[in-house]
Amino acid sequence: MASITRLRLRVLPGARRSEVVGRHGEAWKLRVQAAPERGRANDAVEALLASVLSLPKTSVEVVAGHTTQDKIVALTGIELATAETLLAAEVASRP
């Protein structure tokens, strides 16, 4: 059975570009271009994390906070330490 990791996020929708910004307390702060309407921002969060973590989009799901900036996502098939390392590397690679 694949492991499921939960990740806390602070999401800012309607940004100029979608990106992982860095830490926000115990959560990761993300910006997404999508507007916070009809689940578009949640879809953008799932797509961004799938890309950064090299996971299929079906392995990333917003499970809490669907209508708020503070969200919890479930990641299937990746350990928390690996996800944290990949997110930190993404932040460090930005100019």
PDB file of N, CA and C in Angstrom:
ATOM      1  N   MET A   1       0.836  -1.187   0.000  1.00  0.00           N
ATOM      2  CA  MET A   1       0.000   0.000   0.000  1.00  0.00           C
ATOM      3  C   MET A   1       0.878   1.248   0.000  1.00  0.00           C
ATOM      4  N   ALA A   2       0.535   2.210  -0.822  1.00  0.00           N
ATOM      5  CA  ALA A   2       1.315   3.440  -0.933  1.00  0.00           C
ATOM      6  C   ALA A   2       1.115   4.303   0.312  1.00  0.00           C
ATOM      7  N   SER A   3       2.175   4.977   0.715  1.00  0.00           N
ATOM      8  CA  SER A   3       2.080   5.844   1.885  1.00  0.00           C
ATOM      9  C   SER A   3       1.338   7.132   1.516  1.00  0.00           C
ATOM     10  N   ILE A   4       0.626   7.675   2.493  1.00  0.00           N
ATOM     11  CA  ILE A   4      -0.077   8.941   2.304  1.00  0.00           C
ATOM     12  C   ILE A   4       0.504   9.943   3.284  1.00  0.00           C
ATOM     13  N   THR A   5       0.960  11.059   2.748  1.00  0.00           N
ATOM     14  CA  THR A   5       1.557  12.118   3.531  1.00  0.00           C
ATOM     15  C   THR A   5       0.620  13.316   3.530  1.00  0.00           C
ATOM     16  N   ARG A   6       0.470  13.949   4.655  1.00  0.00           N
ATOM     17  CA  ARG A   6      -0.353  15.169   4.742  1.00  0.00           C
ATOM     18  C   ARG A   6       0.581  16.368   4.848  1.00  0.00           C
ATOM     19  N   LEU A   7       0.243  17.390   4.093  1.00  0.00           N
ATOM     20  CA  LEU A   7       1.077  18.589   4.035  1.00  0.00           C
ATOM     21  C   LEU A   7       0.199  19.811   4.264  1.00  0.00           C
ATOM     22  N   ARG A   8       0.623  20.688   5.162  1.00  0.00           N
ATOM     23  CA  ARG A   8      -0.112  21.933   5.427  1.00  0.00           C
ATOM     24  C   ARG A   8       0.360  23.007   4.459  1.00  0.00           C
ATOM     25  N   LEU A   9      -0.597  23.791   3.961  1.00  0.00           N
ATOM     26  CA  LEU A   9      -0.290  24.845   3.009  1.00  0.00           C
ATOM     27  C   LEU A   9      -0.978  26.145   3.399  1.00  0.00           C
ATOM     28  N   ARG A  10      -0.373  27.257   3.019  1.00  0.00           N
ATOM     29  CA  ARG A  10      -1.023  28.573   3.018  1.00  0.00           C
ATOM     30  C   ARG A  10      -0.988  28.994   1.556  1.00  0.00           C
ATOM     31  N   VAL A  11      -2.148  29.201   0.959  1.00  0.00           N
ATOM     32  CA  VAL A  11      -2.264  29.447  -0.474  1.00  0.00           C
ATOM     33  C   VAL A  11      -2.764  30.862  -0.735  1.00  0.00           C
ATOM     34  N   LEU A  12      -2.069  31.552  -1.636  1.00  0.00           N
ATOM     35  CA  LEU A  12      -2.477  32.882  -2.060  1.00  0.00           C
ATOM     36  C   LEU A  12      -2.911  32.801  -3.524  1.00  0.00           C
ATOM     37  N   PRO A  13      -4.220  32.830  -3.782  1.00  0.00           N
ATOM     38  CA  PRO A  13      -4.712  32.738  -5.154  1.00  0.00           C
ATOM     39  C   PRO A  13      -4.629  34.083  -5.876  1.00  0.00           C
ATOM     40  N   GLY A  14      -4.768  34.055  -7.195  1.00  0.00           N
ATOM     41  CA  GLY A  14      -4.767  35.272  -7.996  1.00  0.00           C
ATOM     42  C   GLY A  14      -3.400  35.921  -8.124  1.00  0.00           C
ATOM     43  N   ALA A  15      -2.351  35.148  -8.002  1.00  0.00           N
ATOM     44  CA  ALA A  15      -0.987  35.683  -8.083  1.00  0.00           C
ATOM     45  C   ALA A  15      -0.555  35.873  -9.539  1.00  0.00           C
ATOM     46  N   ARG A  16       0.528  36.576  -9.724  1.00  0.00           N
ATOM     47  CA  ARG A  16       1.085  36.797 -11.057  1.00  0.00           C
ATOM     48  C   ARG A  16       1.558  35.490 -11.681  1.00  0.00           C
ATOM     49  N   ARG A  17       2.130  34.621 -10.838  1.00  0.00           N
ATOM     50  CA  ARG A  17       2.573  33.303 -11.313  1.00  0.00           C
ATOM     51  C   ARG A  17       2.420  32.291 -10.184  1.00  0.00           C
ATOM     52  N   SER A  18       2.349  31.033 -10.570  1.00  0.00           N
ATOM     53  CA  SER A  18       2.230  29.959  -9.586  1.00  0.00           C
ATOM     54  C   SER A  18       3.624  29.531  -9.147  1.00  0.00           C
ATOM     55  N   GLU A  19       3.826  29.466  -7.825  1.00  0.00           N
ATOM     56  CA  GLU A  19       5.142  29.100  -7.304  1.00  0.00           C
ATOM     57  C   GLU A  19       5.068  28.723  -5.833  1.00  0.00           C
ATOM     58  N   VAL A  20       6.090  27.998  -5.405  1.00  0.00           N
ATOM     59  CA  VAL A  20       6.286  27.705  -3.988  1.00  0.00           C
ATOM     60  C   VAL A  20       7.107  28.862  -3.435  1.00  0.00           C
ATOM     61  N   VAL A  21       6.587  29.540  -2.422  1.00  0.00           N
ATOM     62  CA  VAL A  21       7.234  30.733  -1.882  1.00  0.00           C
ATOM     63  C   VAL A  21       8.235  30.374  -0.795  1.00  0.00           C
ATOM     64  N   GLY A  22       7.859  29.479   0.097  1.00  0.00           N
ATOM     65  CA  GLY A  22       8.731  29.106   1.216  1.00  0.00           C
ATOM     66  C   GLY A  22       7.882  28.657   2.390  1.00  0.00           C
ATOM     67  N   ARG A  23       8.473  28.704   3.573  1.00  0.00           N
ATOM     68  CA  ARG A  23       7.772  28.266   4.781  1.00  0.00           C
ATOM     69  C   ARG A  23       6.864  29.378   5.294  1.00  0.00           C
ATOM     70  N   HIS A  24       5.775  28.972   5.941  1.00  0.00           N
ATOM     71  CA  HIS A  24       4.856  29.878   6.628  1.00  0.00           C
ATOM     72  C   HIS A  24       4.502  29.170   7.933  1.00  0.00           C
ATOM     73  N   GLY A  25       5.342  29.347   8.941  1.00  0.00           N
ATOM     74  CA  GLY A  25       5.180  28.593  10.182  1.00  0.00           C
ATOM     75  C   GLY A  25       5.426  27.120   9.906  1.00  0.00           C
ATOM     76  N   GLU A  26       4.459  26.274  10.223  1.00  0.00           N
ATOM     77  CA  GLU A  26       4.582  24.833   9.965  1.00  0.00           C
ATOM     78  C   GLU A  26       4.105  24.460   8.564  1.00  0.00           C
ATOM     79  N   ALA A  27       3.561  25.429   7.846  1.00  0.00           N
ATOM     80  CA  ALA A  27       3.007  25.172   6.513  1.00  0.00           C
ATOM     81  C   ALA A  27       3.967  25.656   5.427  1.00  0.00           C
ATOM     82  N   TRP A  28       3.666  25.267   4.197  1.00  0.00           N
ATOM     83  CA  TRP A  28       4.356  25.791   3.024  1.00  0.00           C
ATOM     84  C   TRP A  28       3.459  26.836   2.388  1.00  0.00           C
ATOM     85  N   LYS A  29       4.057  27.953   1.985  1.00  0.00           N
ATOM     86  CA  LYS A  29       3.298  29.022   1.349  1.00  0.00           C
ATOM     87  C   LYS A  29       3.422  28.883  -0.161  1.00  0.00           C
ATOM     88  N   LEU A  30       2.265  28.870  -0.838  1.00  0.00           N
ATOM     89  CA  LEU A  30       2.212  28.764  -2.292  1.00  0.00           C
ATOM     90  C   LEU A  30       1.429  29.932  -2.852  1.00  0.00           C
ATOM     91  N   ARG A  31       1.800  30.359  -4.048  1.00  0.00           N
ATOM     92  CA  ARG A  31       1.012  31.321  -4.816  1.00  0.00           C
ATOM     93  C   ARG A  31       0.525  30.596  -6.054  1.00  0.00           C
ATOM     94  N   VAL A  32      -0.727  30.823  -6.425  1.00  0.00           N
ATOM     95  CA  VAL A  32      -1.252  30.254  -7.667  1.00  0.00           C
ATOM     96  C   VAL A  32      -1.948  31.354  -8.466  1.00  0.00           C
ATOM     97  N   GLN A  33      -1.862  31.239  -9.782  1.00  0.00           N
ATOM     98  CA  GLN A  33      -2.473  32.232 -10.660  1.00  0.00           C
ATOM     99  C   GLN A  33      -3.993  32.155 -10.639  1.00  0.00           C
ATOM    100  N   ALA A  34      -4.523  31.002 -10.436  1.00  0.00           N
ATOM    101  CA  ALA A  34      -5.967  30.789 -10.525  1.00  0.00           C
ATOM    102  C   ALA A  34      -6.722  31.599  -9.477  1.00  0.00           C
ATOM    103  N   ALA A  35      -7.914  32.005  -9.860  1.00  0.00           N
ATOM    104  CA  ALA A  35      -8.791  32.723  -8.940  1.00  0.00           C
ATOM    105  C   ALA A  35      -9.439  31.733  -7.970  1.00  0.00           C
ATOM    106  N   PRO A  36      -9.806  32.226  -6.779  1.00  0.00           N
ATOM    107  CA  PRO A  36     -10.431  31.343  -5.790  1.00  0.00           C
ATOM    108  C   PRO A  36     -11.927  31.166  -6.041  1.00  0.00           C
ATOM    109  N   GLU A  37     -12.264  30.650  -7.188  1.00  0.00           N
ATOM    110  CA  GLU A  37     -13.674  30.436  -7.513  1.00  0.00           C
ATOM    111  C   GLU A  37     -13.868  29.084  -8.172  1.00  0.00           C
ATOM    112  N   ARG A  38     -14.943  28.404  -7.789  1.00  0.00           N
ATOM    113  CA  ARG A  38     -15.315  27.100  -8.346  1.00  0.00           C
ATOM    114  C   ARG A  38     -14.173  26.084  -8.325  1.00  0.00           C
ATOM    115  N   GLY A  39     -13.345  26.122  -7.276  1.00  0.00           N
ATOM    116  CA  GLY A  39     -12.291  25.122  -7.119  1.00  0.00           C
ATOM    117  C   GLY A  39     -11.072  25.317  -7.993  1.00  0.00           C
ATOM    118  N   ARG A  40     -11.001  26.423  -8.725  1.00  0.00           N
ATOM    119  CA  ARG A  40      -9.864  26.631  -9.630  1.00  0.00           C
ATOM    120  C   ARG A  40      -8.537  26.742  -8.889  1.00  0.00           C
ATOM    121  N   ALA A  41      -8.534  27.459  -7.771  1.00  0.00           N
ATOM    122  CA  ALA A  41      -7.290  27.602  -7.008  1.00  0.00           C
ATOM    123  C   ALA A  41      -6.855  26.250  -6.445  1.00  0.00           C
ATOM    124  N   ASN A  42      -7.797  25.440  -5.970  1.00  0.00           N
ATOM    125  CA  ASN A  42      -7.455  24.112  -5.452  1.00  0.00           C
ATOM    126  C   ASN A  42      -6.866  23.247  -6.563  1.00  0.00           C
ATOM    127  N   ASP A  43      -7.457  23.311  -7.752  1.00  0.00           N
ATOM    128  CA  ASP A  43      -6.916  22.555  -8.891  1.00  0.00           C
ATOM    129  C   ASP A  43      -5.498  23.010  -9.217  1.00  0.00           C
ATOM    130  N   ALA A  44      -5.267  24.322  -9.144  1.00  0.00           N
ATOM    131  CA  ALA A  44      -3.934  24.867  -9.427  1.00  0.00           C
ATOM    132  C   ALA A  44      -2.919  24.431  -8.374  1.00  0.00           C
ATOM    133  N   VAL A  45      -3.350  24.358  -7.121  1.00  0.00           N
ATOM    134  CA  VAL A  45      -2.475  23.880  -6.046  1.00  0.00           C
ATOM    135  C   VAL A  45      -2.064  22.437  -6.315  1.00  0.00           C
ATOM    136  N   GLU A  46      -3.040  21.601  -6.657  1.00  0.00           N
ATOM    137  CA  GLU A  46      -2.758  20.196  -6.932  1.00  0.00           C
ATOM    138  C   GLU A  46      -1.803  20.054  -8.116  1.00  0.00           C
ATOM    139  N   ALA A  47      -2.019  20.838  -9.166  1.00  0.00           N
ATOM    140  CA  ALA A  47      -1.150  20.768 -10.348  1.00  0.00           C
ATOM    141  C   ALA A  47       0.266  21.242 -10.026  1.00  0.00           C
ATOM    142  N   LEU A  48       0.389  22.322  -9.265  1.00  0.00           N
ATOM    143  CA  LEU A  48       1.716  22.844  -8.902  1.00  0.00           C
ATOM    144  C   LEU A  48       2.479  21.826  -8.060  1.00  0.00           C
ATOM    145  N   LEU A  49       1.838  21.278  -7.045  1.00  0.00           N
ATOM    146  CA  LEU A  49       2.521  20.298  -6.200  1.00  0.00           C
ATOM    147  C   LEU A  49       2.878  19.030  -6.975  1.00  0.00           C
ATOM    148  N   ALA A  50       1.986  18.579  -7.841  1.00  0.00           N
ATOM    149  CA  ALA A  50       2.289  17.396  -8.654  1.00  0.00           C
ATOM    150  C   ALA A  50       3.531  17.643  -9.503  1.00  0.00           C
ATOM    151  N   SER A  51       3.640  18.820 -10.072  1.00  0.00           N
ATOM    152  CA  SER A  51       4.797  19.155 -10.904  1.00  0.00           C
ATOM    153  C   SER A  51       6.081  19.225 -10.072  1.00  0.00           C
ATOM    154  N   VAL A  52       6.041  19.961  -8.981  1.00  0.00           N
ATOM    155  CA  VAL A  52       7.232  20.152  -8.144  1.00  0.00           C
ATOM    156  C   VAL A  52       7.698  18.833  -7.520  1.00  0.00           C
ATOM    157  N   LEU A  53       6.748  17.987  -7.129  1.00  0.00           N
ATOM    158  CA  LEU A  53       7.086  16.739  -6.439  1.00  0.00           C
ATOM    159  C   LEU A  53       7.200  15.544  -7.388  1.00  0.00           C
ATOM    160  N   SER A  54       7.052  15.793  -8.686  1.00  0.00           N
ATOM    161  CA  SER A  54       7.128  14.725  -9.711  1.00  0.00           C
ATOM    162  C   SER A  54       6.156  13.589  -9.409  1.00  0.00           C
ATOM    163  N   LEU A  55       4.931  13.971  -9.114  1.00  0.00           N
ATOM    164  CA  LEU A  55       3.869  13.007  -8.832  1.00  0.00           C
ATOM    165  C   LEU A  55       2.779  13.149  -9.894  1.00  0.00           C
ATOM    166  N   PRO A  56       2.048  12.082 -10.153  1.00  0.00           N
ATOM    167  CA  PRO A  56       0.869  12.245 -11.017  1.00  0.00           C
ATOM    168  C   PRO A  56      -0.158  13.116 -10.291  1.00  0.00           C
ATOM    169  N   LYS A  57      -0.902  13.906 -11.038  1.00  0.00           N
ATOM    170  CA  LYS A  57      -1.884  14.797 -10.422  1.00  0.00           C
ATOM    171  C   LYS A  57      -2.886  14.035  -9.561  1.00  0.00           C
ATOM    172  N   THR A  58      -3.143  12.783  -9.907  1.00  0.00           N
ATOM    173  CA  THR A  58      -4.073  11.975  -9.113  1.00  0.00           C
ATOM    174  C   THR A  58      -3.522  11.616  -7.737  1.00  0.00           C
ATOM    175  N   SER A  59      -2.231  11.851  -7.508  1.00  0.00           N
ATOM    176  CA  SER A  59      -1.605  11.548  -6.218  1.00  0.00           C
ATOM    177  C   SER A  59      -1.588  12.746  -5.276  1.00  0.00           C
ATOM    178  N   VAL A  60      -2.186  13.864  -5.715  1.00  0.00           N
ATOM    179  CA  VAL A  60      -2.233  15.077  -4.902  1.00  0.00           C
ATOM    180  C   VAL A  60      -3.691  15.507  -4.775  1.00  0.00           C
ATOM    181  N   GLU A  61      -4.165  15.642  -3.528  1.00  0.00           N
ATOM    182  CA  GLU A  61      -5.571  16.001  -3.331  1.00  0.00           C
ATOM    183  C   GLU A  61      -5.729  16.933  -2.139  1.00  0.00           C
ATOM    184  N   VAL A  62      -6.405  18.056  -2.350  1.00  0.00           N
ATOM    185  CA  VAL A  62      -6.770  18.934  -1.246  1.00  0.00           C
ATOM    186  C   VAL A  62      -7.844  18.210  -0.438  1.00  0.00           C
ATOM    187  N   VAL A  63      -7.552  17.955   0.841  1.00  0.00           N
ATOM    188  CA  VAL A  63      -8.495  17.205   1.676  1.00  0.00           C
ATOM    189  C   VAL A  63      -9.145  18.058   2.758  1.00  0.00           C
ATOM    190  N   ALA A  64      -8.630  19.250   2.993  1.00  0.00           N
ATOM    191  CA  ALA A  64      -9.222  20.158   3.979  1.00  0.00           C
ATOM    192  C   ALA A  64      -8.900  21.590   3.588  1.00  0.00           C
ATOM    193  N   GLY A  65      -9.828  22.492   3.906  1.00  0.00           N
ATOM    194  CA  GLY A  65      -9.609  23.905   3.608  1.00  0.00           C
ATOM    195  C   GLY A  65      -9.970  24.284   2.187  1.00  0.00           C
ATOM    196  N   HIS A  66     -10.959  23.622   1.630  1.00  0.00           N
ATOM    197  CA  HIS A  66     -11.335  23.873   0.236  1.00  0.00           C
ATOM    198  C   HIS A  66     -11.700  25.329  -0.047  1.00  0.00           C
ATOM    199  N   THR A  67     -12.213  26.040   0.941  1.00  0.00           N
ATOM    200  CA  THR A  67     -12.641  27.422   0.722  1.00  0.00           C
ATOM    201  C   THR A  67     -11.826  28.435   1.523  1.00  0.00           C
ATOM    202  N   THR A  68     -10.695  28.013   2.053  1.00  0.00           N
ATOM    203  CA  THR A  68      -9.846  28.922   2.831  1.00  0.00           C
ATOM    204  C   THR A  68      -8.421  28.912   2.291  1.00  0.00           C
ATOM    205  N   GLN A  69      -7.625  29.855   2.764  1.00  0.00           N
ATOM    206  CA  GLN A  69      -6.217  29.896   2.356  1.00  0.00           C
ATOM    207  C   GLN A  69      -5.403  28.797   3.011  1.00  0.00           C
ATOM    208  N   ASP A  70      -5.808  28.368   4.187  1.00  0.00           N
ATOM    209  CA  ASP A  70      -5.092  27.311   4.896  1.00  0.00           C
ATOM    210  C   ASP A  70      -5.665  25.970   4.468  1.00  0.00           C
ATOM    211  N   LYS A  71      -4.831  25.132   3.875  1.00  0.00           N
ATOM    212  CA  LYS A  71      -5.282  23.869   3.303  1.00  0.00           C
ATOM    213  C   LYS A  71      -4.418  22.718   3.804  1.00  0.00           C
ATOM    214  N   ILE A  72      -4.959  21.529   3.701  1.00  0.00           N
ATOM    215  CA  ILE A  72      -4.185  20.310   3.920  1.00  0.00           C
ATOM    216  C   ILE A  72      -4.343  19.470   2.667  1.00  0.00           C
ATOM    217  N   VAL A  73      -3.198  19.024   2.138  1.00  0.00           N
ATOM    218  CA  VAL A  73      -3.226  18.157   0.963  1.00  0.00           C
ATOM    219  C   VAL A  73      -2.707  16.785   1.351  1.00  0.00           C
ATOM    220  N   ALA A  74      -3.263  15.784   0.702  1.00  0.00           N
ATOM    221  CA  ALA A  74      -2.798  14.409   0.862  1.00  0.00           C
ATOM    222  C   ALA A  74      -1.952  14.072  -0.353  1.00  0.00           C
ATOM    223  N   LEU A  75      -0.760  13.565  -0.097  1.00  0.00           N
ATOM    224  CA  LEU A  75       0.170  13.171  -1.153  1.00  0.00           C
ATOM    225  C   LEU A  75       0.345  11.662  -1.078  1.00  0.00           C
ATOM    226  N   THR A  76       0.065  10.977  -2.151  1.00  0.00           N
ATOM    227  CA  THR A  76       0.187   9.527  -2.182  1.00  0.00           C
ATOM    228  C   THR A  76       1.484   9.136  -2.872  1.00  0.00           C
ATOM    229  N   GLY A  77       2.256   8.259  -2.220  1.00  0.00           N
ATOM    230  CA  GLY A  77       3.460   7.729  -2.835  1.00  0.00           C
ATOM    231  C   GLY A  77       4.724   8.525  -2.590  1.00  0.00           C
ATOM    232  N   ILE A  78       4.711   9.392  -1.584  1.00  0.00           N
ATOM    233  CA  ILE A  78       5.916  10.158  -1.261  1.00  0.00           C
ATOM    234  C   ILE A  78       5.964  10.356   0.255  1.00  0.00           C
ATOM    235  N   GLU A  79       7.144  10.247   0.805  1.00  0.00           N
ATOM    236  CA  GLU A  79       7.333  10.449   2.244  1.00  0.00           C
ATOM    237  C   GLU A  79       7.431  11.939   2.547  1.00  0.00           C
ATOM    238  N   LEU A  80       7.083  12.336   3.759  1.00  0.00           N
ATOM    239  CA  LEU A  80       7.112  13.737   4.158  1.00  0.00           C
ATOM    240  C   LEU A  80       8.507  14.340   3.986  1.00  0.00           C
ATOM    241  N   ALA A  81       9.540  13.631   4.398  1.00  0.00           N
ATOM    242  CA  ALA A  81      10.902  14.158   4.300  1.00  0.00           C
ATOM    243  C   ALA A  81      11.281  14.438   2.844  1.00  0.00           C
ATOM    244  N   THR A  82      10.895  13.556   1.947  1.00  0.00           N
ATOM    245  CA  THR A  82      11.189  13.744   0.529  1.00  0.00           C
ATOM    246  C   THR A  82      10.434  14.949  -0.019  1.00  0.00           C
ATOM    247  N   ALA A  83       9.164  15.069   0.338  1.00  0.00           N
ATOM    248  CA  ALA A  83       8.359  16.210  -0.113  1.00  0.00           C
ATOM    249  C   ALA A  83       8.953  17.516   0.389  1.00  0.00           C
ATOM    250  N   GLU A  84       9.342  17.550   1.665  1.00  0.00           N
ATOM    251  CA  GLU A  84       9.937  18.756   2.252  1.00  0.00           C
ATOM    252  C   GLU A  84      11.236  19.125   1.528  1.00  0.00           C
ATOM    253  N   THR A  85      12.054  18.131   1.230  1.00  0.00           N
ATOM    254  CA  THR A  85      13.325  18.376   0.526  1.00  0.00           C
ATOM    255  C   THR A  85      13.082  18.940  -0.867  1.00  0.00           C
ATOM    256  N   LEU A  86      12.127  18.367  -1.594  1.00  0.00           N
ATOM    257  CA  LEU A  86      11.827  18.840  -2.945  1.00  0.00           C
ATOM    258  C   LEU A  86      11.235  20.243  -2.941  1.00  0.00           C
ATOM    259  N   LEU A  87      10.387  20.543  -1.981  1.00  0.00           N
ATOM    260  CA  LEU A  87       9.825  21.894  -1.887  1.00  0.00           C
ATOM    261  C   LEU A  87      10.902  22.919  -1.535  1.00  0.00           C
ATOM    262  N   ALA A  88      11.797  22.561  -0.617  1.00  0.00           N
ATOM    263  CA  ALA A  88      12.902  23.463  -0.260  1.00  0.00           C
ATOM    264  C   ALA A  88      13.823  23.697  -1.445  1.00  0.00           C
ATOM    265  N   ALA A  89      14.080  22.643  -2.229  1.00  0.00           N
ATOM    266  CA  ALA A  89      14.936  22.779  -3.424  1.00  0.00           C
ATOM    267  C   ALA A  89      14.268  23.682  -4.453  1.00  0.00           C
ATOM    268  N   GLU A  90      12.961  23.591  -4.583  1.00  0.00           N
ATOM    269  CA  GLU A  90      12.220  24.457  -5.516  1.00  0.00           C
ATOM    270  C   GLU A  90      12.356  25.921  -5.114  1.00  0.00           C
ATOM    271  N   VAL A  91      12.239  26.212  -3.822  1.00  0.00           N
ATOM    272  CA  VAL A  91      12.382  27.586  -3.328  1.00  0.00           C
ATOM    273  C   VAL A  91      13.813  28.072  -3.575  1.00  0.00           C
ATOM    274  N   ALA A  92      14.796  27.229  -3.285  1.00  0.00           N
ATOM    275  CA  ALA A  92      16.207  27.614  -3.448  1.00  0.00           C
ATOM    276  C   ALA A  92      16.592  27.836  -4.908  1.00  0.00           C
ATOM    277  N   SER A  93      15.888  27.209  -5.835  1.00  0.00           N
ATOM    278  CA  SER A  93      16.239  27.311  -7.254  1.00  0.00           C
ATOM    279  C   SER A  93      15.706  28.588  -7.902  1.00  0.00           C
ATOM    280  N   ARG A  94      14.803  29.282  -7.230  1.00  0.00           N
ATOM    281  CA  ARG A  94      14.261  30.537  -7.786  1.00  0.00           C
ATOM    282  C   ARG A  94      15.302  31.637  -7.725  1.00  0.00           C
ATOM    283  N   PRO A  95      15.324  32.491  -8.729  1.00  0.00           N
ATOM    284  CA  PRO A  95      16.293  33.616  -8.729  1.00  0.00           C
ATOM    285  C   PRO A  95      16.016  34.625  -7.647  1.00  0.00           C
TER     286      PRO A  95
END
